[in-house]
C-alpha atoms as a PDB file:
ATOM      1  CA  UNK A   1      -5.189  27.035   5.815  1.00  0.00           C
ATOM      2  CA  UNK A   2      -3.677  27.754   8.892  1.00  0.00           C
ATOM      3  CA  UNK A   3      -1.617  24.602  11.046  1.00  0.00           C
ATOM      4  CA  UNK A   4      -3.800  25.317  13.534  1.00  0.00           C
ATOM      5  CA  UNK A   5      -6.894  24.523  11.538  1.00  0.00           C
ATOM      6  CA  UNK A   6      -5.191  21.675   9.816  1.00  0.00           C
ATOM      7  CA  UNK A   7      -4.537  20.152  13.123  1.00  0.00           C
ATOM      8  CA  UNK A   8      -8.261  20.106  13.739  1.00  0.00           C
ATOM      9  CA  UNK A   9      -9.111  18.722  11.062  1.00  0.00           C
ATOM     10  CA  UNK A  10      -6.514  15.831  11.283  1.00  0.00           C
ATOM     11  CA  UNK A  11      -8.395  15.254  14.859  1.00  0.00           C
ATOM     12  CA  UNK A  12     -11.791  15.279  13.790  1.00  0.00           C
ATOM     13  CA  UNK A  13     -10.661  12.550  10.999  1.00  0.00           C
ATOM     14  CA  UNK A  14      -9.373  10.322  13.163  1.00  0.00           C
ATOM     15  CA  UNK A  15     -12.399  10.642  16.003  1.00  0.00           C
ATOM     16  CA  UNK A  16     -14.473   9.883  12.336  1.00  0.00           C
ATOM     17  CA  UNK A  17     -12.984   6.565  11.819  1.00  0.00           C
ATOM     18  CA  UNK A  18     -14.368   4.105  12.957  1.00  0.00           C
ATOM     19  CA  UNK A  19     -12.198   1.489  13.136  1.00  0.00           C
ATOM     20  CA  UNK A  20      -9.280   3.589  15.369  1.00  0.00           C
ATOM     21  CA  UNK A  21      -9.709   4.787  19.357  1.00  0.00           C
ATOM     22  CA  UNK A  22      -7.687   7.689  19.001  1.00  0.00           C
ATOM     23  CA  UNK A  23      -7.528   8.486  21.969  1.00  0.00           C
ATOM     24  CA  UNK A  24      -4.165   8.319  22.843  1.00  0.00           C
ATOM     25  CA  UNK A  25      -3.133   9.641  19.907  1.00  0.00           C
ATOM     26  CA  UNK A  26      -1.348  12.825  19.826  1.00  0.00           C
ATOM     27  CA  UNK A  27      -1.284  15.234  16.735  1.00  0.00           C
ATOM     28  CA  UNK A  28       1.189  17.562  16.046  1.00  0.00           C
ATOM     29  CA  UNK A  29       1.280  19.901  12.626  1.00  0.00           C
ATOM     30  CA  UNK A  30       4.382  22.374  11.340  1.00  0.00           C
ATOM     31  CA  UNK A  31       3.994  23.714   8.150  1.00  0.00           C
ATOM     32  CA  UNK A  32       1.997  20.940   7.004  1.00  0.00           C
ATOM     33  CA  UNK A  33       3.711  17.958   8.016  1.00  0.00           C
ATOM     34  CA  UNK A  34       1.411  15.964  10.533  1.00  0.00           C
ATOM     35  CA  UNK A  35       3.522  14.224  13.390  1.00  0.00           C
ATOM     36  CA  UNK A  36       1.373  11.623  14.923  1.00  0.00           C
ATOM     37  CA  UNK A  37       2.641  10.209  18.797  1.00  0.00           C
ATOM     38  CA  UNK A  38       0.842   8.095  21.193  1.00  0.00           C
ATOM     39  CA  UNK A  39       0.479   4.964  21.335  1.00  0.00           C
ATOM     40  CA  UNK A  40      -2.878   2.029  19.601  1.00  0.00           C
ATOM     41  CA  UNK A  41      -3.549  -1.313  20.560  1.00  0.00           C
ATOM     42  CA  UNK A  42      -2.431  -3.185  17.011  1.00  0.00           C
ATOM     43  CA  UNK A  43      -0.592  -2.432  14.098  1.00  0.00           C
ATOM     44  CA  UNK A  44      -3.705  -2.477  11.977  1.00  0.00           C
ATOM     45  CA  UNK A  45      -4.884   0.632  13.830  1.00  0.00           C
ATOM     46  CA  UNK A  46      -1.573   2.736  13.304  1.00  0.00           C
ATOM     47  CA  UNK A  47      -1.990   1.896   9.435  1.00  0.00           C
ATOM     48  CA  UNK A  48      -5.486   3.122   9.345  1.00  0.00           C
ATOM     49  CA  UNK A  49      -4.452   5.832  11.620  1.00  0.00           C
ATOM     50  CA  UNK A  50      -1.880   7.070   8.504  1.00  0.00           C
ATOM     51  CA  UNK A  51      -4.258   6.485   6.293  1.00  0.00           C
ATOM     52  CA  UNK A  52      -6.785   8.617   7.882  1.00  0.00           C
ATOM     53  CA  UNK A  53      -4.410  11.590   7.920  1.00  0.00           C
ATOM     54  CA  UNK A  54      -3.805  10.886   4.412  1.00  0.00           C
ATOM     55  CA  UNK A  55      -7.317  11.726   3.601  1.00  0.00           C
ATOM     56  CA  UNK A  56      -7.296  15.244   4.800  1.00  0.00           C
ATOM     57  CA  UNK A  57      -6.843  18.268   2.781  1.00  0.00           C
ATOM     58  CA  UNK A  58      -3.558  20.211   3.778  1.00  0.00           C
ATOM     59  CA  UNK A  59      -1.675  17.563   4.338  1.00  0.00           C
ATOM     60  CA  UNK A  60       2.075  17.791   2.896  1.00  0.00           C
ATOM     61  CA  UNK A  61       3.779  15.143   4.781  1.00  0.00           C
ATOM     62  CA  UNK A  62       3.584  12.695   7.850  1.00  0.00           C
ATOM     63  CA  UNK A  63       5.864  11.519  10.444  1.00  0.00           C
ATOM     64  CA  UNK A  64       4.315   8.562  11.923  1.00  0.00           C
ATOM     65  CA  UNK A  65       6.530   7.821  15.560  1.00  0.00           C
ATOM     66  CA  UNK A  66       2.975   6.048  16.974  1.00  0.00           C
ATOM     67  CA  UNK A  67       3.534   3.028  18.817  1.00  0.00           C
ATOM     68  CA  UNK A  68       1.948  -0.083  19.293  1.00  0.00           C
ATOM     69  CA  UNK A  69       1.416  -1.136  22.731  1.00  0.00           C
ATOM     70  CA  UNK A  70      -0.075  -4.864  23.695  1.00  0.00           C
ATOM     71  CA  UNK A  71      -1.169  -5.638  27.509  1.00  0.00           C
ATOM     72  CA  UNK A  72       1.046  -8.019  29.011  1.00  0.00           C
ATOM     73  CA  UNK A  73      -1.549 -10.965  29.728  1.00  0.00           C
ATOM     74  CA  UNK A  74      -2.299 -10.269  25.234  1.00  0.00           C
ATOM     75  CA  UNK A  75       1.290 -10.887  24.457  1.00  0.00           C
ATOM     76  CA  UNK A  76       2.296 -13.346  21.891  1.00  0.00           C
ATOM     77  CA  UNK A  77       5.412 -15.113  21.596  1.00  0.00           C
ATOM     78  CA  UNK A  78       7.227 -14.465  17.838  1.00  0.00           C
ATOM     79  CA  UNK A  79       6.805 -18.202  17.154  1.00  0.00           C
ATOM     80  CA  UNK A  80       3.310 -18.085  17.633  1.00  0.00           C
ATOM     81  CA  UNK A  81       3.047 -15.132  15.209  1.00  0.00           C
ATOM     82  CA  UNK A  82       5.356 -16.186  12.943  1.00  0.00           C
ATOM     83  CA  UNK A  83       3.221 -19.758  12.557  1.00  0.00           C
ATOM     84  CA  UNK A  84      -0.475 -17.645  12.199  1.00  0.00           C
ATOM     85  CA  UNK A  85       1.242 -15.531   9.022  1.00  0.00           C
ATOM     86  CA  UNK A  86       2.359 -18.107   7.589  1.00  0.00           C
ATOM     87  CA  UNK A  87      -1.409 -20.068   7.352  1.00  0.00           C
ATOM     88  CA  UNK A  88      -3.043 -16.852   6.945  1.00  0.00           C
ATOM     89  CA  UNK A  89      -0.504 -16.524   3.533  1.00  0.00           C
ATOM     90  CA  UNK A  90      -1.038 -20.390   2.547  1.00  0.00           C
ATOM     91  CA  UNK A  91      -5.211 -19.608   2.897  1.00  0.00           C
ATOM     92  CA  UNK A  92      -4.732 -16.899   0.837  1.00  0.00           C
ATOM     93  CA  UNK A  93      -5.833 -17.993  -3.316  1.00  0.00           C
ATOM     94  CA  UNK A  94      -4.529 -15.009  -4.392  1.00  0.00           C
ATOM     95  CA  UNK A  95      -1.017 -15.536  -2.543  1.00  0.00           C
ATOM     96  CA  UNK A  96       1.473 -18.539  -4.249  1.00  0.00           C
ATOM     97  CA  UNK A  97       2.671 -20.866  -1.526  1.00  0.00           C
ATOM     98  CA  UNK A  98       6.253 -21.444  -0.604  1.00  0.00           C
ATOM     99  CA  UNK A  99       7.025 -18.366  -2.628  1.00  0.00           C
ATOM    100  CA  UNK A 100       6.584 -15.849   0.352  1.00  0.00           C
ATOM    101  CA  UNK A 101       9.003 -16.186   4.384  1.00  0.00           C
ATOM    102  CA  UNK A 102       8.235 -14.773   7.150  1.00  0.00           C
ATOM    103  CA  UNK A 103      10.762 -13.651   9.780  1.00  0.00           C
ATOM    104  CA  UNK A 104       9.264 -12.099  13.183  1.00  0.00           C
ATOM    105  CA  UNK A 105      11.126 -10.974  15.701  1.00  0.00           C
ATOM    106  CA  UNK A 106       9.617  -9.150  18.819  1.00  0.00           C
ATOM    107  CA  UNK A 107       6.500  -8.752  17.224  1.00  0.00           C
ATOM    108  CA  UNK A 108       7.666  -7.271  14.100  1.00  0.00           C
ATOM    109  CA  UNK A 109       7.187  -9.394  10.803  1.00  0.00           C
ATOM    110  CA  UNK A 110       9.884  -9.233   8.079  1.00  0.00           C
ATOM    111  CA  UNK A 111       8.409 -10.920   4.738  1.00  0.00           C
ATOM    112  CA  UNK A 112      10.884 -11.356   2.084  1.00  0.00           C
ATOM    113  CA  UNK A 113      10.825 -13.946  -1.302  1.00  0.00           C
ATOM    114  CA  UNK A 114       9.600 -13.330  -5.037  1.00  0.00           C
ATOM    115  CA  UNK A 115       6.120 -13.179  -7.051  1.00  0.00           C
ATOM    116  CA  UNK A 116       5.086 -12.394  -9.955  1.00  0.00           C
ATOM    117  CA  UNK A 117       2.399  -9.413  -9.625  1.00  0.00           C
ATOM    118  CA  UNK A 118       2.776  -6.454  -7.779  1.00  0.00           C
ATOM    119  CA  UNK A 119      -0.940  -6.912  -6.338  1.00  0.00           C
ATOM    120  CA  UNK A 120       0.681 -10.246  -3.730  1.00  0.00           C
ATOM    121  CA  UNK A 121       3.149  -7.908  -2.738  1.00  0.00           C
ATOM    122  CA  UNK A 122       0.397  -5.965  -1.176  1.00  0.00           C
ATOM    123  CA  UNK A 123      -1.658  -8.330  -1.056  1.00  0.00           C
ATOM    124  CA  UNK A 124       0.937 -10.752   1.891  1.00  0.00           C
ATOM    125  CA  UNK A 125       0.774  -7.656   3.604  1.00  0.00           C
ATOM    126  CA  UNK A 126      -2.296  -6.448   4.468  1.00  0.00           C
ATOM    127  CA  UNK A 127      -2.763  -9.937   5.342  1.00  0.00           C
ATOM    128  CA  UNK A 128      -0.268 -10.250   8.248  1.00  0.00           C
ATOM    129  CA  UNK A 129      -1.229  -7.065   9.338  1.00  0.00           C
ATOM    130  CA  UNK A 130      -4.163  -7.442  11.490  1.00  0.00           C
ATOM    131  CA  UNK A 131      -2.326 -10.249  13.158  1.00  0.00           C
ATOM    132  CA  UNK A 132      -2.677  -9.944  17.172  1.00  0.00           C
ATOM    133  CA  UNK A 133       0.591  -9.474  18.473  1.00  0.00           C
ATOM    134  CA  UNK A 134       2.379  -7.737  15.491  1.00  0.00           C
ATOM    135  CA  UNK A 135       3.798  -3.951  15.982  1.00  0.00           C
ATOM    136  CA  UNK A 136       5.097  -4.158  12.650  1.00  0.00           C
ATOM    137  CA  UNK A 137       5.731  -4.936   9.050  1.00  0.00           C
ATOM    138  CA  UNK A 138       8.349  -4.727   6.631  1.00  0.00           C
ATOM    139  CA  UNK A 139       7.596  -6.000   3.310  1.00  0.00           C
ATOM    140  CA  UNK A 140      11.060  -7.022   1.496  1.00  0.00           C
ATOM    141  CA  UNK A 141       9.086  -9.368  -1.471  1.00  0.00           C
ATOM    142  CA  UNK A 142      10.075  -8.715  -4.558  1.00  0.00           C
ATOM    143  CA  UNK A 143       8.249  -9.151  -8.429  1.00  0.00           C
ATOM    144  CA  UNK A 144      10.035 -11.111 -10.273  1.00  0.00           C
ATOM    145  CA  UNK A 145       9.692 -10.789 -14.322  1.00  0.00           C
ATOM    146  CA  UNK A 146       7.988 -13.734 -15.336  1.00  0.00           C
ATOM    147  CA  UNK A 147       8.254 -11.977 -19.383  1.00  0.00           C
ATOM    148  CA  UNK A 148      10.416 -10.353 -21.423  1.00  0.00           C
ATOM    149  CA  UNK A 149       9.777  -7.004 -21.805  1.00  0.00           C
ATOM    150  CA  UNK A 150       8.976  -6.558 -24.887  1.00  0.00           C
ATOM    151  CA  UNK A 151       5.999  -9.072 -24.087  1.00  0.00           C
ATOM    152  CA  UNK A 152       5.121  -6.373 -21.318  1.00  0.00           C
ATOM    153  CA  UNK A 153       4.409  -3.794 -23.869  1.00  0.00           C
ATOM    154  CA  UNK A 154       2.253  -5.961 -26.351  1.00  0.00           C
ATOM    155  CA  UNK A 155       0.233  -7.200 -23.124  1.00  0.00           C
ATOM    156  CA  UNK A 156      -0.137  -3.649 -22.234  1.00  0.00           C
ATOM    157  CA  UNK A 157      -1.198  -2.730 -25.219  1.00  0.00           C
ATOM    158  CA  UNK A 158      -3.231  -5.337 -25.588  1.00  0.00           C
ATOM    159  CA  UNK A 159      -5.281  -4.630 -22.459  1.00  0.00           C
ATOM    160  CA  UNK A 160      -5.721  -0.836 -23.309  1.00  0.00           C
ATOM    161  CA  UNK A 161      -7.481  -1.739 -27.075  1.00  0.00           C
ATOM    162  CA  UNK A 162     -10.136  -4.094 -24.844  1.00  0.00           C
ATOM    163  CA  UNK A 163     -11.313  -1.368 -22.708  1.00  0.00           C
ATOM    164  CA  UNK A 164     -13.593   0.964 -23.755  1.00  0.00           C
ATOM    165  CA  UNK A 165     -12.277   3.682 -21.546  1.00  0.00           C
ATOM    166  CA  UNK A 166     -10.122   5.389 -23.411  1.00  0.00           C
ATOM    167  CA  UNK A 167      -8.342   5.753 -26.690  1.00  0.00           C
ATOM    168  CA  UNK A 168      -5.427   2.960 -26.637  1.00  0.00           C
ATOM    169  CA  UNK A 169      -3.405   4.789 -29.757  1.00  0.00           C
ATOM    170  CA  UNK A 170      -3.695   8.507 -27.121  1.00  0.00           C
ATOM    171  CA  UNK A 171      -1.044   6.469 -24.627  1.00  0.00           C
ATOM    172  CA  UNK A 172       2.390   5.936 -25.169  1.00  0.00           C
ATOM    173  CA  UNK A 173       3.690   2.704 -23.414  1.00  0.00           C
ATOM    174  CA  UNK A 174       7.476   2.355 -22.314  1.00  0.00           C
ATOM    175  CA  UNK A 175       8.994  -0.440 -20.525  1.00  0.00           C
ATOM    176  CA  UNK A 176      12.554  -0.189 -18.740  1.00  0.00           C
ATOM    177  CA  UNK A 177      12.982  -3.462 -17.461  1.00  0.00           C
ATOM    178  CA  UNK A 178      10.022  -4.151 -14.630  1.00  0.00           C
ATOM    179  CA  UNK A 179       9.160  -0.004 -14.740  1.00  0.00           C
ATOM    180  CA  UNK A 180       6.535   0.776 -16.862  1.00  0.00           C
ATOM    181  CA  UNK A 181       6.500   4.644 -18.263  1.00  0.00           C
ATOM    182  CA  UNK A 182       2.638   5.937 -19.295  1.00  0.00           C
ATOM    183  CA  UNK A 183       2.815   9.170 -21.404  1.00  0.00           C
ATOM    184  CA  UNK A 184      -0.426  11.032 -23.229  1.00  0.00           C
ATOM    185  CA  UNK A 185      -3.632  12.506 -22.940  1.00  0.00           C
ATOM    186  CA  UNK A 186      -6.966  11.598 -22.289  1.00  0.00           C
ATOM    187  CA  UNK A 187     -10.263  13.276 -21.564  1.00  0.00           C
ATOM    188  CA  UNK A 188     -10.610  12.521 -17.975  1.00  0.00           C
ATOM    189  CA  UNK A 189      -9.063  11.431 -14.919  1.00  0.00           C
ATOM    190  CA  UNK A 190     -10.921   7.836 -14.850  1.00  0.00           C
ATOM    191  CA  UNK A 191      -9.112   7.072 -18.493  1.00  0.00           C
ATOM    192  CA  UNK A 192      -5.819   7.911 -16.526  1.00  0.00           C
ATOM    193  CA  UNK A 193      -6.265   5.412 -13.681  1.00  0.00           C
ATOM    194  CA  UNK A 194      -7.979   2.631 -16.090  1.00  0.00           C
ATOM    195  CA  UNK A 195      -4.413   2.947 -18.074  1.00  0.00           C
ATOM    196  CA  UNK A 196      -2.897   2.748 -14.814  1.00  0.00           C
ATOM    197  CA  UNK A 197      -4.580  -0.425 -13.391  1.00  0.00           C
ATOM    198  CA  UNK A 198      -4.019  -1.932 -16.704  1.00  0.00           C
ATOM    199  CA  UNK A 199      -0.450  -1.441 -16.775  1.00  0.00           C
ATOM    200  CA  UNK A 200      -0.397  -2.711 -13.671  1.00  0.00           C
ATOM    201  CA  UNK A 201      -2.419  -5.809 -14.064  1.00  0.00           C
ATOM    202  CA  UNK A 202       0.194  -7.197 -16.645  1.00  0.00           C
ATOM    203  CA  UNK A 203       3.074  -9.691 -14.455  1.00  0.00           C
ATOM    204  CA  UNK A 204       6.388  -8.334 -13.880  1.00  0.00           C
ATOM    205  CA  UNK A 205       5.760  -4.674 -13.613  1.00  0.00           C
ATOM    206  CA  UNK A 206       7.051  -3.466 -10.331  1.00  0.00           C
ATOM    207  CA  UNK A 207       6.201  -0.330 -10.926  1.00  0.00           C
ATOM    208  CA  UNK A 208       4.305   2.615 -12.772  1.00  0.00           C
ATOM    209  CA  UNK A 209       5.549   6.009 -13.802  1.00  0.00           C
ATOM    210  CA  UNK A 210       2.363   7.791 -14.804  1.00  0.00           C
ATOM    211  CA  UNK A 211       2.705  10.418 -16.919  1.00  0.00           C
ATOM    212  CA  UNK A 212      -0.603  10.606 -18.517  1.00  0.00           C
ATOM    213  CA  UNK A 213      -2.289  14.320 -18.893  1.00  0.00           C
ATOM    214  CA  UNK A 214      -6.280  14.582 -17.775  1.00  0.00           C
ATOM    215  CA  UNK A 215      -7.141  16.750 -20.354  1.00  0.00           C
ATOM    216  CA  UNK A 216     -10.167  17.701 -17.986  1.00  0.00           C
END
């Protein structure tokens, strides 16, 4: 695929996404690297534009240079954004109250704190990125392990044994601090994904390195 063809596919995907107004987004492609420029009306649109590009076959990398521009009449003060961010985090039943701190500077949110689950890190960012006035989010929330590495490994192996999708004995689990390394072979990609989900479901896991090979 040529860069010209890839650029056309990226533009088509951006236009196809109903959550995007792609009229002010510029696209340049060089050796499979897509550079996004221009501006959008919300940070959520900026994130969605990048997701749309990642869906396009042939994209090797993305340079994200889109700016978020709010009309002067719709600009929101930092203290209002911070209050709304804290409120939406408090309302979420999946996020621990008072464990996450919010700082806002010129519309840019910085999240800090510590939570027991990786999905809560992603959930906190997802909760605030759609707020009006937000131009960017830096997520510095940490996953604080609550169990010993040996206990993490035991919990993962127990989850594997409960799953009907794959043979637990076919997968080897190594734990290095808060990192889980999966090795072995399974018969299908769905089994590989199920094993990775099981690893992520354990409290204290910060990263998962999936070395499992799918035989088909």
